[in-house]
Amino acid sequence: EILGALDPRSTFTLPAFEEDTTIAGPATLHVNASTTAPD
């Protein structure tokens, strides 16, 4: 509940890193999706 309205969120969690790992530089999420609305 955020500001009186429900805000549904999808979360995607990867398995735990087995060793220290650094990400650096651009990060991008690619999503294939459809919506029932025009935007």
Full PDB file with SEQRES, HELIX, SHEET, SSBOND, CRYST1, ORIGX, SCALE, CONECT and MASTER records, all heavy atoms in Angstrom:
SEQRES   1 A   39  GLU ILE LEU GLY ALA LEU ASP PRO ARG SER THR PHE THR          
SEQRES   2 A   39  LEU PRO ALA PHE GLU GLU ASP THR THR ILE ALA GLY PRO          
SEQRES   3 A   39  ALA THR LEU HIS VAL ASN ALA SER THR THR ALA PRO ASP          
CRYST1    1.000    1.000    1.000  90.00  90.00  90.00 P 1           1          
ORIGX1      1.000000  0.000000  0.000000        0.00000                         
ORIGX2      0.000000  1.000000  0.000000        0.00000                         
ORIGX3      0.000000  0.000000  1.000000        0.00000                         
SCALE1      1.000000  0.000000  0.000000        0.00000                         
SCALE2      0.000000  1.000000  0.000000        0.00000                         
SCALE3      0.000000  0.000000  1.000000        0.00000                         
ATOM      1  N   GLU A   1       0.849  -1.170   0.000  1.00  0.00           N  
ATOM      2  CA  GLU A   1       0.000   0.000   0.000  1.00  0.00           C  
ATOM      3  C   GLU A   1       0.891   1.228   0.000  1.00  0.00           C  
ATOM      4  O   GLU A   1       1.702   1.419   0.907  1.00  0.00           O  
ATOM      5  CB  GLU A   1      -0.944   0.023   1.203  1.00  0.00           C  
ATOM      6  CG  GLU A   1      -1.951   1.135   1.071  1.00  0.00           C  
ATOM      7  CD  GLU A   1      -3.096   1.017   2.039  1.00  0.00           C  
ATOM      8  OE1 GLU A   1      -3.561  -0.097   2.281  1.00  0.00           O  
ATOM      9  OE2 GLU A   1      -3.508   2.064   2.538  1.00  0.00           O  
ATOM     10  N   ILE A   2       0.788   2.023  -1.047  1.00  0.00           N  
ATOM     11  CA  ILE A   2       1.587   3.233  -1.176  1.00  0.00           C  
ATOM     12  C   ILE A   2       0.639   4.385  -1.462  1.00  0.00           C  
ATOM     13  O   ILE A   2      -0.104   4.368  -2.444  1.00  0.00           O  
ATOM     14  CB  ILE A   2       2.623   3.102  -2.315  1.00  0.00           C  
ATOM     15  CG1 ILE A   2       3.584   1.954  -1.996  1.00  0.00           C  
ATOM     16  CG2 ILE A   2       3.364   4.403  -2.516  1.00  0.00           C  
ATOM     17  CD1 ILE A   2       4.590   1.690  -3.061  1.00  0.00           C  
ATOM     18  N   LEU A   3       0.651   5.370  -0.587  1.00  0.00           N  
ATOM     19  CA  LEU A   3      -0.227   6.543  -0.710  1.00  0.00           C  
ATOM     20  C   LEU A   3      -1.687   6.129  -0.871  1.00  0.00           C  
ATOM     21  O   LEU A   3      -2.419   6.693  -1.678  1.00  0.00           O  
ATOM     22  CB  LEU A   3       0.213   7.440  -1.869  1.00  0.00           C  
ATOM     23  CG  LEU A   3       1.620   8.025  -1.747  1.00  0.00           C  
ATOM     24  CD1 LEU A   3       1.948   8.867  -2.965  1.00  0.00           C  
ATOM     25  CD2 LEU A   3       1.758   8.861  -0.487  1.00  0.00           C  
ATOM     26  N   GLY A   4      -2.117   5.093  -0.136  1.00  0.00           N  
ATOM     27  CA  GLY A   4      -3.513   4.697  -0.138  1.00  0.00           C  
ATOM     28  C   GLY A   4      -3.938   3.818  -1.292  1.00  0.00           C  
ATOM     29  O   GLY A   4      -5.101   3.492  -1.424  1.00  0.00           O  
ATOM     30  N   ALA A   5      -3.021   3.432  -2.172  1.00  0.00           N  
ATOM     31  CA  ALA A   5      -3.386   2.593  -3.318  1.00  0.00           C  
ATOM     32  C   ALA A   5      -2.484   1.370  -3.356  1.00  0.00           C  
ATOM     33  O   ALA A   5      -1.336   1.423  -2.929  1.00  0.00           O  
ATOM     34  CB  ALA A   5      -3.240   3.379  -4.615  1.00  0.00           C  
ATOM     35  N   LEU A   6      -3.000   0.266  -3.865  1.00  0.00           N  
ATOM     36  CA  LEU A   6      -2.177  -0.924  -4.010  1.00  0.00           C  
ATOM     37  C   LEU A   6      -1.236  -0.768  -5.187  1.00  0.00           C  
ATOM     38  O   LEU A   6      -1.624  -0.284  -6.251  1.00  0.00           O  
ATOM     39  CB  LEU A   6      -3.055  -2.162  -4.201  1.00  0.00           C  
ATOM     40  CG  LEU A   6      -3.723  -2.686  -2.940  1.00  0.00           C  
ATOM     41  CD1 LEU A   6      -4.576  -3.903  -3.285  1.00  0.00           C  
ATOM     42  CD2 LEU A   6      -2.719  -3.060  -1.877  1.00  0.00           C  
ATOM     43  N   ASP A   7      -0.011  -1.151  -5.006  1.00  0.00           N  
ATOM     44  CA  ASP A   7       1.017  -1.038  -6.045  1.00  0.00           C  
ATOM     45  C   ASP A   7       1.610  -2.427  -6.250  1.00  0.00           C  
ATOM     46  O   ASP A   7       2.539  -2.801  -5.545  1.00  0.00           O  
ATOM     47  CB  ASP A   7       2.089  -0.039  -5.600  1.00  0.00           C  
ATOM     48  CG  ASP A   7       3.208   0.081  -6.617  1.00  0.00           C  
ATOM     49  OD1 ASP A   7       2.944  -0.106  -7.822  1.00  0.00           O  
ATOM     50  OD2 ASP A   7       4.338   0.346  -6.205  1.00  0.00           O  
ATOM     51  N   PRO A   8       1.073  -3.212  -7.186  1.00  0.00           N  
ATOM     52  CA  PRO A   8       1.620  -4.551  -7.382  1.00  0.00           C  
ATOM     53  C   PRO A   8       2.983  -4.496  -8.055  1.00  0.00           C  
ATOM     54  O   PRO A   8       3.212  -3.704  -8.962  1.00  0.00           O  
ATOM     55  CB  PRO A   8       0.591  -5.227  -8.280  1.00  0.00           C  
ATOM     56  CG  PRO A   8      -0.101  -4.118  -8.978  1.00  0.00           C  
ATOM     57  CD  PRO A   8      -0.028  -2.920  -8.070  1.00  0.00           C  
ATOM     58  N   ARG A   9       3.889  -5.332  -7.583  1.00  0.00           N  
ATOM     59  CA  ARG A   9       5.235  -5.387  -8.124  1.00  0.00           C  
ATOM     60  C   ARG A   9       5.592  -6.841  -8.363  1.00  0.00           C  
ATOM     61  O   ARG A   9       5.274  -7.698  -7.566  1.00  0.00           O  
ATOM     62  CB  ARG A   9       6.247  -4.781  -7.149  1.00  0.00           C  
ATOM     63  CG  ARG A   9       6.010  -3.321  -6.894  1.00  0.00           C  
ATOM     64  CD  ARG A   9       6.849  -2.819  -5.729  1.00  0.00           C  
ATOM     65  NE  ARG A   9       6.494  -1.447  -5.478  1.00  0.00           N  
ATOM     66  CZ  ARG A   9       7.333  -0.439  -5.601  1.00  0.00           C  
ATOM     67  NH1 ARG A   9       8.576  -0.643  -5.940  1.00  0.00           N  
ATOM     68  NH2 ARG A   9       6.937   0.777  -5.380  1.00  0.00           N  
ATOM     69  N   SER A  10       6.270  -7.079  -9.458  1.00  0.00           N  
ATOM     70  CA  SER A  10       6.827  -8.410  -9.703  1.00  0.00           C  
ATOM     71  C   SER A  10       8.297  -8.353  -9.354  1.00  0.00           C  
ATOM     72  O   SER A  10       8.982  -7.391  -9.689  1.00  0.00           O  
ATOM     73  CB  SER A  10       6.685  -8.803 -11.177  1.00  0.00           C  
ATOM     74  OG  SER A  10       5.331  -8.998 -11.490  1.00  0.00           O  
ATOM     75  N   THR A  11       8.777  -9.378  -8.670  1.00  0.00           N  
ATOM     76  CA  THR A  11      10.192  -9.432  -8.341  1.00  0.00           C  
ATOM     77  C   THR A  11      10.783 -10.714  -8.890  1.00  0.00           C  
ATOM     78  O   THR A  11      10.135 -11.761  -8.915  1.00  0.00           O  
ATOM     79  CB  THR A  11      10.446  -9.370  -6.818  1.00  0.00           C  
ATOM     80  OG1 THR A  11       9.816 -10.482  -6.211  1.00  0.00           O  
ATOM     81  CG2 THR A  11       9.927  -8.086  -6.225  1.00  0.00           C  
ATOM     82  N   PHE A  12      12.022 -10.595  -9.368  1.00  0.00           N  
ATOM     83  CA  PHE A  12      12.763 -11.720  -9.924  1.00  0.00           C  
ATOM     84  C   PHE A  12      14.099 -11.763  -9.186  1.00  0.00           C  
ATOM     85  O   PHE A  12      14.862 -10.802  -9.249  1.00  0.00           O  
ATOM     86  CB  PHE A  12      12.983 -11.525 -11.424  1.00  0.00           C  
ATOM     87  CG  PHE A  12      11.702 -11.296 -12.179  1.00  0.00           C  
ATOM     88  CD1 PHE A  12      11.214 -10.014 -12.376  1.00  0.00           C  
ATOM     89  CD2 PHE A  12      10.972 -12.370 -12.658  1.00  0.00           C  
ATOM     90  CE1 PHE A  12      10.024  -9.800 -13.058  1.00  0.00           C  
ATOM     91  CE2 PHE A  12       9.782 -12.168 -13.344  1.00  0.00           C  
ATOM     92  CZ  PHE A  12       9.307 -10.890 -13.539  1.00  0.00           C  
ATOM     93  N   THR A  13      14.349 -12.836  -8.488  1.00  0.00           N  
ATOM     94  CA  THR A  13      15.534 -12.944  -7.648  1.00  0.00           C  
ATOM     95  C   THR A  13      16.429 -14.073  -8.138  1.00  0.00           C  
ATOM     96  O   THR A  13      15.968 -15.210  -8.284  1.00  0.00           O  
ATOM     97  CB  THR A  13      15.140 -13.189  -6.180  1.00  0.00           C  
ATOM     98  OG1 THR A  13      14.225 -12.158  -5.775  1.00  0.00           O  
ATOM     99  CG2 THR A  13      16.351 -13.175  -5.277  1.00  0.00           C  
ATOM    100  N   LEU A  14      17.685 -13.740  -8.386  1.00  0.00           N  
ATOM    101  CA  LEU A  14      18.660 -14.748  -8.813  1.00  0.00           C  
ATOM    102  C   LEU A  14      19.213 -15.487  -7.597  1.00  0.00           C  
ATOM    103  O   LEU A  14      19.156 -14.984  -6.478  1.00  0.00           O  
ATOM    104  CB  LEU A  14      19.805 -14.072  -9.565  1.00  0.00           C  
ATOM    105  CG  LEU A  14      19.394 -13.566 -10.942  1.00  0.00           C  
ATOM    106  CD1 LEU A  14      19.874 -12.159 -11.162  1.00  0.00           C  
ATOM    107  CD2 LEU A  14      19.952 -14.493 -11.982  1.00  0.00           C  
ATOM    108  N   PRO A  15      19.772 -16.662  -7.807  1.00  0.00           N  
ATOM    109  CA  PRO A  15      20.405 -17.375  -6.694  1.00  0.00           C  
ATOM    110  C   PRO A  15      21.553 -16.553  -6.114  1.00  0.00           C  
ATOM    111  O   PRO A  15      22.129 -15.691  -6.777  1.00  0.00           O  
ATOM    112  CB  PRO A  15      20.932 -18.660  -7.343  1.00  0.00           C  
ATOM    113  CG  PRO A  15      20.175 -18.806  -8.618  1.00  0.00           C  
ATOM    114  CD  PRO A  15      19.821 -17.417  -9.058  1.00  0.00           C  
ATOM    115  N   ALA A  16      21.911 -16.858  -4.882  1.00  0.00           N  
ATOM    116  CA  ALA A  16      22.987 -16.139  -4.201  1.00  0.00           C  
ATOM    117  C   ALA A  16      24.312 -16.325  -4.944  1.00  0.00           C  
ATOM    118  O   ALA A  16      24.589 -17.404  -5.484  1.00  0.00           O  
ATOM    119  CB  ALA A  16      23.120 -16.636  -2.763  1.00  0.00           C  
ATOM    120  N   PHE A  17      25.110 -15.261  -4.948  1.00  0.00           N  
ATOM    121  CA  PHE A  17      26.444 -15.342  -5.536  1.00  0.00           C  
ATOM    122  C   PHE A  17      27.302 -16.261  -4.673  1.00  0.00           C  
ATOM    123  O   PHE A  17      27.275 -16.175  -3.443  1.00  0.00           O  
ATOM    124  CB  PHE A  17      27.089 -13.950  -5.622  1.00  0.00           C  
ATOM    125  CG  PHE A  17      26.483 -13.073  -6.672  1.00  0.00           C  
ATOM    126  CD1 PHE A  17      25.521 -12.126  -6.348  1.00  0.00           C  
ATOM    127  CD2 PHE A  17      26.879 -13.180  -7.997  1.00  0.00           C  
ATOM    128  CE1 PHE A  17      24.959 -11.317  -7.319  1.00  0.00           C  
ATOM    129  CE2 PHE A  17      26.329 -12.372  -8.981  1.00  0.00           C  
ATOM    130  CZ  PHE A  17      25.363 -11.440  -8.640  1.00  0.00           C  
ATOM    131  N   GLU A  18      28.069 -17.111  -5.316  1.00  0.00           N  
ATOM    132  CA  GLU A  18      28.943 -18.035  -4.595  1.00  0.00           C  
ATOM    133  C   GLU A  18      30.265 -17.379  -4.208  1.00  0.00           C  
ATOM    134  O   GLU A  18      30.938 -17.835  -3.301  1.00  0.00           O  
ATOM    135  CB  GLU A  18      29.193 -19.286  -5.431  1.00  0.00           C  
ATOM    136  CG  GLU A  18      27.934 -20.106  -5.624  1.00  0.00           C  
ATOM    137  CD  GLU A  18      28.157 -21.338  -6.478  1.00  0.00           C  
ATOM    138  OE1 GLU A  18      29.317 -21.654  -6.817  1.00  0.00           O  
ATOM    139  OE2 GLU A  18      27.146 -21.992  -6.801  1.00  0.00           O  
ATOM    140  N   GLU A  19      30.633 -16.329  -4.934  1.00  0.00           N  
ATOM    141  CA  GLU A  19      31.862 -15.587  -4.630  1.00  0.00           C  
ATOM    142  C   GLU A  19      31.585 -14.114  -4.849  1.00  0.00           C  
ATOM    143  O   GLU A  19      30.602 -13.735  -5.493  1.00  0.00           O  
ATOM    144  CB  GLU A  19      33.018 -16.062  -5.506  1.00  0.00           C  
ATOM    145  CG  GLU A  19      32.767 -15.911  -6.997  1.00  0.00           C  
ATOM    146  CD  GLU A  19      33.881 -16.501  -7.846  1.00  0.00           C  
ATOM    147  OE1 GLU A  19      34.555 -17.444  -7.397  1.00  0.00           O  
ATOM    148  OE2 GLU A  19      34.079 -16.000  -8.964  1.00  0.00           O  
ATOM    149  N   ASP A  20      32.451 -13.260  -4.305  1.00  0.00           N  
ATOM    150  CA  ASP A  20      32.289 -11.823  -4.517  1.00  0.00           C  
ATOM    151  C   ASP A  20      32.273 -11.544  -6.021  1.00  0.00           C  
ATOM    152  O   ASP A  20      33.093 -12.076  -6.768  1.00  0.00           O  
ATOM    153  CB  ASP A  20      33.429 -11.050  -3.863  1.00  0.00           C  
ATOM    154  CG  ASP A  20      33.358 -11.074  -2.343  1.00  0.00           C  
ATOM    155  OD1 ASP A  20      32.432 -11.707  -1.788  1.00  0.00           O  
ATOM    156  OD2 ASP A  20      34.222 -10.458  -1.711  1.00  0.00           O  
ATOM    157  N   THR A  21      31.316 -10.734  -6.450  1.00  0.00           N  
ATOM    158  CA  THR A  21      31.115 -10.444  -7.869  1.00  0.00           C  
ATOM    159  C   THR A  21      30.826  -8.958  -8.030  1.00  0.00           C  
ATOM    160  O   THR A  21      30.008  -8.405  -7.299  1.00  0.00           O  
ATOM    161  CB  THR A  21      29.943 -11.264  -8.436  1.00  0.00           C  
ATOM    162  OG1 THR A  21      30.189 -12.650  -8.203  1.00  0.00           O  
ATOM    163  CG2 THR A  21      29.740 -11.013  -9.920  1.00  0.00           C  
ATOM    164  N   THR A  22      31.480  -8.330  -9.000  1.00  0.00           N  
ATOM    165  CA  THR A  22      31.268  -6.909  -9.253  1.00  0.00           C  
ATOM    166  C   THR A  22      30.558  -6.718 -10.586  1.00  0.00           C  
ATOM    167  O   THR A  22      30.950  -7.293 -11.594  1.00  0.00           O  
ATOM    168  CB  THR A  22      32.615  -6.154  -9.278  1.00  0.00           C  
ATOM    169  OG1 THR A  22      33.263  -6.354  -8.019  1.00  0.00           O  
ATOM    170  CG2 THR A  22      32.423  -4.669  -9.517  1.00  0.00           C  
ATOM    171  N   ILE A  23      29.501  -5.903 -10.546  1.00  0.00           N  
ATOM    172  CA  ILE A  23      28.882  -5.459 -11.794  1.00  0.00           C  
ATOM    173  C   ILE A  23      29.245  -3.987 -11.942  1.00  0.00           C  
ATOM    174  O   ILE A  23      29.229  -3.228 -10.979  1.00  0.00           O  
ATOM    175  CB  ILE A  23      27.359  -5.695 -11.846  1.00  0.00           C  
ATOM    176  CG1 ILE A  23      26.624  -4.952 -10.744  1.00  0.00           C  
ATOM    177  CG2 ILE A  23      27.045  -7.177 -11.783  1.00  0.00           C  
ATOM    178  CD1 ILE A  23      25.111  -4.997 -10.895  1.00  0.00           C  
ATOM    179  N   ALA A  24      29.623  -3.607 -13.150  1.00  0.00           N  
ATOM    180  CA  ALA A  24      30.038  -2.225 -13.400  1.00  0.00           C  
ATOM    181  C   ALA A  24      29.713  -1.884 -14.840  1.00  0.00           C  
ATOM    182  O   ALA A  24      29.970  -2.673 -15.740  1.00  0.00           O  
ATOM    183  CB  ALA A  24      31.518  -2.055 -13.125  1.00  0.00           C  
ATOM    184  N   GLY A  25      29.140  -0.715 -15.044  1.00  0.00           N  
ATOM    185  CA  GLY A  25      28.767  -0.308 -16.395  1.00  0.00           C  
ATOM    186  C   GLY A  25      27.265  -0.368 -16.573  1.00  0.00           C  
ATOM    187  O   GLY A  25      26.511  -0.410 -15.602  1.00  0.00           O  
ATOM    188  N   PRO A  26      26.812  -0.401 -17.809  1.00  0.00           N  
ATOM    189  CA  PRO A  26      25.375  -0.362 -18.059  1.00  0.00           C  
ATOM    190  C   PRO A  26      24.680  -1.654 -17.615  1.00  0.00           C  
ATOM    191  O   PRO A  26      25.236  -2.739 -17.724  1.00  0.00           O  
ATOM    192  CB  PRO A  26      25.275  -0.185 -19.575  1.00  0.00           C  
ATOM    193  CG  PRO A  26      26.565  -0.692 -20.109  1.00  0.00           C  
ATOM    194  CD  PRO A  26      27.589  -0.441 -19.046  1.00  0.00           C  
ATOM    195  N   ALA A  27      23.470  -1.477 -17.093  1.00  0.00           N  
ATOM    196  CA  ALA A  27      22.605  -2.614 -16.757  1.00  0.00           C  
ATOM    197  C   ALA A  27      21.278  -2.380 -17.465  1.00  0.00           C  
ATOM    198  O   ALA A  27      20.744  -1.264 -17.472  1.00  0.00           O  
ATOM    199  CB  ALA A  27      22.398  -2.726 -15.259  1.00  0.00           C  
ATOM    200  N   THR A  28      20.755  -3.428 -18.072  1.00  0.00           N  
ATOM    201  CA  THR A  28      19.544  -3.318 -18.878  1.00  0.00           C  
ATOM    202  C   THR A  28      18.598  -4.456 -18.542  1.00  0.00           C  
ATOM    203  O   THR A  28      19.034  -5.587 -18.352  1.00  0.00           O  
ATOM    204  CB  THR A  28      19.901  -3.394 -20.378  1.00  0.00           C  
ATOM    205  OG1 THR A  28      20.898  -2.409 -20.659  1.00  0.00           O  
ATOM    206  CG2 THR A  28      18.698  -3.133 -21.254  1.00  0.00           C  
ATOM    207  N   LEU A  29      17.311  -4.145 -18.473  1.00  0.00           N  
ATOM    208  CA  LEU A  29      16.287  -5.164 -18.310  1.00  0.00           C  
ATOM    209  C   LEU A  29      15.540  -5.286 -19.633  1.00  0.00           C  
ATOM    210  O   LEU A  29      15.045  -4.292 -20.165  1.00  0.00           O  
ATOM    211  CB  LEU A  29      15.316  -4.803 -17.188  1.00  0.00           C  
ATOM    212  CG  LEU A  29      14.154  -5.764 -16.987  1.00  0.00           C  
ATOM    213  CD1 LEU A  29      14.652  -7.148 -16.562  1.00  0.00           C  
ATOM    214  CD2 LEU A  29      13.177  -5.220 -15.965  1.00  0.00           C  
ATOM    215  N   HIS A  30      15.499  -6.495 -20.158  1.00  0.00           N  
ATOM    216  CA  HIS A  30      14.741  -6.783 -21.376  1.00  0.00           C  
ATOM    217  C   HIS A  30      13.478  -7.516 -20.962  1.00  0.00           C  
ATOM    218  O   HIS A  30      13.556  -8.510 -20.234  1.00  0.00           O  
ATOM    219  CB  HIS A  30      15.570  -7.651 -22.329  1.00  0.00           C  
ATOM    220  CG  HIS A  30      16.866  -7.015 -22.723  1.00  0.00           C  
ATOM    221  ND1 HIS A  30      16.971  -6.165 -23.800  1.00  0.00           N  
ATOM    222  CD2 HIS A  30      18.099  -7.079 -22.169  1.00  0.00           C  
ATOM    223  CE1 HIS A  30      18.221  -5.746 -23.892  1.00  0.00           C  
ATOM    224  NE2 HIS A  30      18.924  -6.290 -22.911  1.00  0.00           N  
ATOM    225  N   VAL A  31      12.343  -7.026 -21.410  1.00  0.00           N  
ATOM    226  CA  VAL A  31      11.061  -7.610 -21.015  1.00  0.00           C  
ATOM    227  C   VAL A  31      10.213  -7.839 -22.258  1.00  0.00           C  
ATOM    228  O   VAL A  31      10.041  -6.931 -23.071  1.00  0.00           O  
ATOM    229  CB  VAL A  31      10.295  -6.685 -20.039  1.00  0.00           C  
ATOM    230  CG1 VAL A  31       8.935  -7.256 -19.697  1.00  0.00           C  
ATOM    231  CG2 VAL A  31      11.099  -6.426 -18.786  1.00  0.00           C  
ATOM    232  N   ASN A  32       9.706  -9.046 -22.390  1.00  0.00           N  
ATOM    233  CA  ASN A  32       8.699  -9.328 -23.412  1.00  0.00           C  
ATOM    234  C   ASN A  32       7.378  -9.379 -22.673  1.00  0.00           C  
ATOM    235  O   ASN A  32       7.198 -10.198 -21.763  1.00  0.00           O  
ATOM    236  CB  ASN A  32       8.983 -10.642 -24.134  1.00  0.00           C  
ATOM    237  CG  ASN A  32       7.946 -10.898 -25.210  1.00  0.00           C  
ATOM    238  OD1 ASN A  32       6.883 -11.422 -24.935  1.00  0.00           O  
ATOM    239  ND2 ASN A  32       8.262 -10.513 -26.429  1.00  0.00           N  
ATOM    240  N   ALA A  33       6.472  -8.474 -23.025  1.00  0.00           N  
ATOM    241  CA  ALA A  33       5.227  -8.357 -22.270  1.00  0.00           C  
ATOM    242  C   ALA A  33       4.094  -7.875 -23.165  1.00  0.00           C  
ATOM    243  O   ALA A  33       4.314  -7.304 -24.231  1.00  0.00           O  
ATOM    244  CB  ALA A  33       5.406  -7.386 -21.105  1.00  0.00           C  
ATOM    245  N   SER A  34       2.890  -8.115 -22.686  1.00  0.00           N  
ATOM    246  CA  SER A  34       1.703  -7.567 -23.330  1.00  0.00           C  
ATOM    247  C   SER A  34       0.879  -6.867 -22.261  1.00  0.00           C  
ATOM    248  O   SER A  34       1.033  -7.123 -21.067  1.00  0.00           O  
ATOM    249  CB  SER A  34       0.888  -8.680 -24.001  1.00  0.00           C  
ATOM    250  OG  SER A  34       0.490  -9.643 -23.045  1.00  0.00           O  
ATOM    251  N   THR A  35       0.024  -5.964 -22.698  1.00  0.00           N  
ATOM    252  CA  THR A  35      -0.848  -5.246 -21.775  1.00  0.00           C  
ATOM    253  C   THR A  35      -2.241  -5.168 -22.366  1.00  0.00           C  
ATOM    254  O   THR A  35      -2.403  -5.140 -23.597  1.00  0.00           O  
ATOM    255  CB  THR A  35      -0.305  -3.839 -21.459  1.00  0.00           C  
ATOM    256  OG1 THR A  35      -1.225  -3.163 -20.593  1.00  0.00           O  
ATOM    257  CG2 THR A  35      -0.104  -3.010 -22.712  1.00  0.00           C  
ATOM    258  N   THR A  36      -3.237  -5.137 -21.507  1.00  0.00           N  
ATOM    259  CA  THR A  36      -4.619  -5.016 -21.983  1.00  0.00           C  
ATOM    260  C   THR A  36      -4.970  -3.559 -22.294  1.00  0.00           C  
ATOM    261  O   THR A  36      -6.020  -3.291 -22.869  1.00  0.00           O  
ATOM    262  CB  THR A  36      -5.600  -5.566 -20.932  1.00  0.00           C  
ATOM    263  OG1 THR A  36      -5.422  -4.845 -19.701  1.00  0.00           O  
ATOM    264  CG2 THR A  36      -5.387  -7.056 -20.706  1.00  0.00           C  
ATOM    265  N   ALA A  37      -4.089  -2.634 -21.935  1.00  0.00           N  
ATOM    266  CA  ALA A  37      -4.326  -1.207 -22.146  1.00  0.00           C  
ATOM    267  C   ALA A  37      -3.540  -0.714 -23.360  1.00  0.00           C  
ATOM    268  O   ALA A  37      -2.587  -1.358 -23.798  1.00  0.00           O  
ATOM    269  CB  ALA A  37      -3.894  -0.427 -20.913  1.00  0.00           C  
ATOM    270  N   PRO A  38      -3.888   0.460 -23.894  1.00  0.00           N  
ATOM    271  CA  PRO A  38      -3.167   1.006 -25.048  1.00  0.00           C  
ATOM    272  C   PRO A  38      -1.818   1.636 -24.692  1.00  0.00           C  
ATOM    273  O   PRO A  38      -1.096   2.073 -25.576  1.00  0.00           O  
ATOM    274  CB  PRO A  38      -4.132   2.049 -25.611  1.00  0.00           C  
ATOM    275  CG  PRO A  38      -4.975   2.451 -24.459  1.00  0.00           C  
ATOM    276  CD  PRO A  38      -5.089   1.241 -23.582  1.00  0.00           C  
ATOM    277  N   ASP A  39      -1.478   1.673 -23.410  1.00  0.00           N  
ATOM    278  CA  ASP A  39      -0.182   2.189 -22.977  1.00  0.00           C  
ATOM    279  C   ASP A  39       0.026   1.767 -21.528  1.00  0.00           C  
ATOM    280  O   ASP A  39      -0.923   1.449 -20.813  1.00  0.00           O  
ATOM    281  CB  ASP A  39      -0.129   3.714 -23.090  1.00  0.00           C  
ATOM    282  CG  ASP A  39       1.296   4.275 -23.060  1.00  0.00           C  
ATOM    283  OD1 ASP A  39       2.248   3.481 -23.183  1.00  0.00           O  
ATOM    284  OD2 ASP A  39       1.436   5.501 -22.927  1.00  0.00           O  
TER     285      ASP A  39                                                      
MASTER        0    0    0    0    0    0    0    6  284    1    0    3          
END                                                                             
